[in-house]
Protein backbone atom coordinates (compact mmCIF):
# COMPACT_ATOMS: atom_id res chain seq x y z
CA MET A 1 -0.28 -0.10 -0.40
CA PHE A 2 2.56 2.82 0.78
CA THR A 3 5.82 2.33 -0.53
CA LYS A 4 9.11 4.01 -0.71
CA ASN A 5 10.73 5.19 -3.74
CA LYS A 6 13.10 2.87 -4.89
CA ASN A 7 15.09 5.23 -7.36
CA PRO A 8 18.37 6.26 -6.42
CA GLU A 9 18.17 9.80 -7.96
CA THR A 10 16.86 12.08 -5.42
CA THR A 11 15.29 14.94 -7.06
CA THR A 12 15.89 18.38 -5.83
CA PRO A 13 13.13 20.98 -5.84
CA GLU A 14 13.08 24.14 -7.86
CA PRO A 15 13.62 27.27 -6.05
CA VAL A 16 10.47 29.00 -5.40
CA LYS A 17 10.63 32.92 -6.90
CA ALA A 18 9.40 35.24 -4.41
CA PRO A 19 7.00 37.68 -6.11
CA THR A 20 7.40 41.27 -6.97
CA GLN A 21 5.44 44.34 -6.12
CA GLN A 22 4.58 44.27 -9.95
CA ASP A 23 3.27 41.12 -10.06
CA ALA A 24 1.42 40.79 -7.30
CA ILE A 25 -0.57 44.02 -8.41
CA ARG A 26 -0.80 42.87 -12.01
CA GLY A 27 -2.14 39.38 -10.43
CA ALA A 28 -4.66 41.51 -8.24
CA ALA A 29 -5.81 43.32 -11.05
CA MET A 30 -6.13 40.41 -13.21
CA LYS A 31 -8.42 38.31 -10.63
CA PRO A 32 -12.51 39.15 -10.53
CA ALA A 33 -12.63 40.65 -6.89
CA ALA A 34 -15.75 40.55 -4.76
CA ARG A 35 -16.21 43.65 -4.39
CA ALA A 36 -17.22 45.87 -1.74
CA ALA A 37 -20.05 47.84 -1.86
CA SER A 38 -18.94 51.64 -2.29
CA ILE A 39 -20.12 53.92 -0.19
CA ILE A 40 -21.59 57.59 0.13
CA CYS A 41 -21.49 58.55 3.44
CA ALA A 42 -23.82 60.90 5.48
CA ASP A 43 -21.71 63.84 5.18
CA MET A 44 -21.00 63.43 1.60
CA LYS A 45 -23.60 65.20 -1.32
CA ILE A 46 -23.09 64.46 -4.97
CA ASN A 47 -24.18 67.18 -7.58
CA GLY A 48 -23.94 64.86 -10.63
CA SER A 49 -24.81 61.26 -11.98
CA VAL A 50 -23.18 57.77 -9.86
CA THR A 51 -22.29 55.43 -11.81
CA SER A 52 -21.53 51.87 -10.94
CA GLU A 53 -20.62 48.41 -12.08
CA GLY A 54 -21.05 46.82 -8.22
CA ALA A 55 -23.06 47.27 -5.41
CA LEU A 56 -23.51 51.23 -4.08
CA GLN A 57 -24.15 52.40 -0.55
CA ILE A 58 -26.08 55.75 -0.48
CA ASP A 59 -26.46 57.40 3.00
CA GLY A 60 -25.65 60.63 1.66
CA VAL A 61 -27.18 63.04 -0.96
CA VAL A 62 -27.71 62.43 -4.58
CA ASP A 63 -28.81 64.82 -6.99
CA GLY A 64 -28.32 63.37 -10.42
CA ASP A 65 -29.47 59.76 -12.07
CA VAL A 66 -27.99 56.95 -9.93
CA THR A 67 -26.86 53.48 -11.98
CA ALA A 68 -25.38 50.27 -10.38
CA THR A 69 -26.61 46.52 -9.55
CA ASP A 70 -27.24 46.59 -6.26
CA ILE A 71 -28.60 49.90 -4.61
CA THR A 72 -29.22 50.49 -1.16
CA ILE A 73 -30.19 54.00 0.31
CA GLY A 74 -29.67 54.39 3.60
CA ALA A 75 -32.07 56.16 6.16
CA SER A 76 -30.34 59.32 6.19
CA GLY A 77 -29.88 58.47 1.89
CA HIS A 78 -31.70 60.69 -0.56
CA ILE A 79 -31.64 61.14 -4.26
CA THR A 80 -32.88 63.32 -6.95
CA GLY A 81 -33.32 61.77 -9.62
CA GLU A 82 -34.04 58.31 -11.73
CA VAL A 83 -32.35 55.05 -9.80
CA LYS A 84 -31.70 52.12 -12.15
CA ALA A 85 -30.19 48.72 -10.59
CA GLU A 86 -31.43 45.33 -10.23
CA VAL A 87 -32.21 45.38 -7.06
CA VAL A 88 -32.83 48.60 -5.18
CA LYS A 89 -33.48 48.51 -1.02
CA VAL A 90 -34.81 52.18 0.12
CA LYS A 91 -35.13 53.16 3.68
CA GLY A 92 -34.18 56.57 2.85
CA LYS A 93 -35.58 58.97 -0.14
CA ILE A 94 -35.69 59.38 -3.17
CA ARG A 95 -37.59 61.67 -5.44
CA GLY A 96 -37.56 60.23 -8.55
CA SER A 97 -38.13 56.81 -10.74
CA ILE A 98 -37.37 53.56 -9.63
CA ARG A 99 -36.17 50.87 -12.69
CA ALA A 100 -35.32 47.54 -11.07
CA ARG A 101 -35.71 43.83 -11.03
CA LYS A 102 -36.51 43.96 -7.81
CA VAL A 103 -37.35 46.98 -5.41
CA GLU A 104 -38.10 47.13 -2.16
CA LEU A 105 -39.54 49.88 -0.01
CA GLU A 106 -38.57 49.18 3.47
CA SER A 107 -40.12 50.77 7.14
CA GLY A 108 -39.50 54.59 6.50
CA ALA A 109 -38.61 55.06 3.05
CA HIS A 110 -40.07 58.01 1.15
CA VAL A 111 -40.37 57.60 -2.86
CA LYS A 112 -41.77 60.27 -4.92
CA GLY A 113 -42.07 59.01 -8.31
CA ASP A 114 -43.02 55.88 -10.35
CA ILE A 115 -41.49 52.14 -9.79
CA VAL A 116 -41.08 50.10 -12.93
CA HIS A 117 -40.48 46.37 -11.49
CA SER A 118 -40.06 43.05 -11.81
CA SER A 119 -40.94 42.27 -8.00
CA LEU A 120 -42.20 45.41 -5.50
CA GLN A 121 -41.99 44.74 -1.77
CA ILE A 122 -43.54 47.64 0.00
CA GLN A 123 -43.21 47.12 4.33
CA SER A 124 -45.73 49.40 6.36
CA ASN A 125 -44.85 52.83 7.03
CA ALA A 126 -43.09 53.10 3.63
CA VAL A 127 -44.38 56.32 1.65
CA PHE A 128 -44.82 56.08 -2.00
CA GLU A 129 -46.73 58.38 -4.24
CA GLY A 130 -46.62 57.78 -7.39
CA GLN A 131 -47.42 54.93 -10.32
CA VAL A 132 -46.40 51.34 -10.12
CA LYS A 133 -45.66 49.11 -13.08
CA HIS A 134 -45.01 45.61 -13.86
CA ALA A 135 -42.01 44.51 -16.80
CA ASP A 136 -40.57 41.49 -17.45
CA ASP A 137 -37.14 43.42 -17.63
CA PRO A 138 -37.55 46.63 -16.57
CA LEU A 139 -34.10 47.52 -17.06
CA LYS A 140 -34.89 47.68 -20.83
CA GLU A 141 -35.11 51.14 -22.49
CA THR A 142 -38.80 51.83 -23.37
CA GLY A 143 -39.05 55.68 -24.67
CA PRO A 144 -42.28 57.14 -24.64
CA LYS A 145 -44.39 57.52 -28.28
CA GLY A 146 -43.35 60.80 -29.85
CA ALA A 147 -45.66 63.81 -30.14
CA SER A 148 -45.98 63.77 -33.95
CA ALA A 149 -47.64 60.00 -33.90
CA SER A 150 -50.26 60.69 -31.02
CA VAL A 151 -51.43 64.05 -33.00
CA SER A 152 -51.41 61.79 -36.48
CA ASN A 153 -53.54 58.96 -34.81
CA GLU A 154 -56.00 61.57 -32.72
CA SER A 155 -56.01 63.71 -36.25
CA SER A 156 -57.11 60.46 -38.34
CA THR A 157 -59.68 58.97 -35.49
CA PRO A 158 -62.74 61.14 -35.32
CA MET A 159 -63.98 61.20 -31.55
CA SER A 160 -68.11 61.10 -31.26
CA SER A 161 -68.32 64.29 -28.74
CA ALA A 162 -72.23 62.40 -27.97
CA SER A 163 -70.53 59.95 -25.61
CA PRO A 164 -67.84 60.86 -23.38
CA THR A 165 -67.18 57.21 -22.41
CA SER A 166 -65.89 56.79 -26.03
CA PHE A 167 -62.32 57.13 -24.95
CA GLY A 168 -61.44 57.90 -28.97
CA ILE A 169 -63.12 55.20 -30.40
CA SER A 170 -65.87 57.05 -33.24
CA THR A 171 -69.33 55.85 -32.67
CA THR A 172 -70.98 56.83 -35.92
CA ALA A 173 -71.40 53.99 -38.34
CA SER A 174 -69.39 54.97 -42.06
C-alpha cells in the first residue's frame, strides 16, 4: 500500500521565486475580486450622476441619476433623479423614478416617483407616491411615443362628442 521511492536518484525541488510587487499588482488586477459596496457617506453630497458596476450604499445626498448593480439607500440617504439597478432597497428618500428587477421599500422609506419593476415589496410605514408598472425586463429602455405619432392618430380617428366615455373610439357608422 505505502511504498518508498526505489529510485536512487533524488530530485531537488526548484527554488521558488519571490513575487515582486509588480507581479502582485498585476495578479490582483487580473482576478475578478468580490467587491465591497461603494459607500456615499452621510456627510457627502454629489451633484451629478453616479454609476457603479458593483453594489452601492448611499447614506448621503445625490442630485442626479444613480446606476449600479445593487443599490441601497440608507435612512439618511436622499436621491433626486432616476435610480436604476438589478436590486434597489430604500430606507431613505427618493424623488424620481426607480427601474429595477427587485424593489424593496422598507419601513421609513419615502419615494415620490414612478416604479418599473419585476418584483415589488412595500413594508408598513413606507410612503410611496407615484405609479407602479410591472415589466418582465424593467431595465430595458422603453421611450414614450413621440408627440407627432399621437397627433397623427388623433387626427385620423374622429371622436364623438355625444359619448364622453368613447375614449377616442368613433361610434358613428360610416
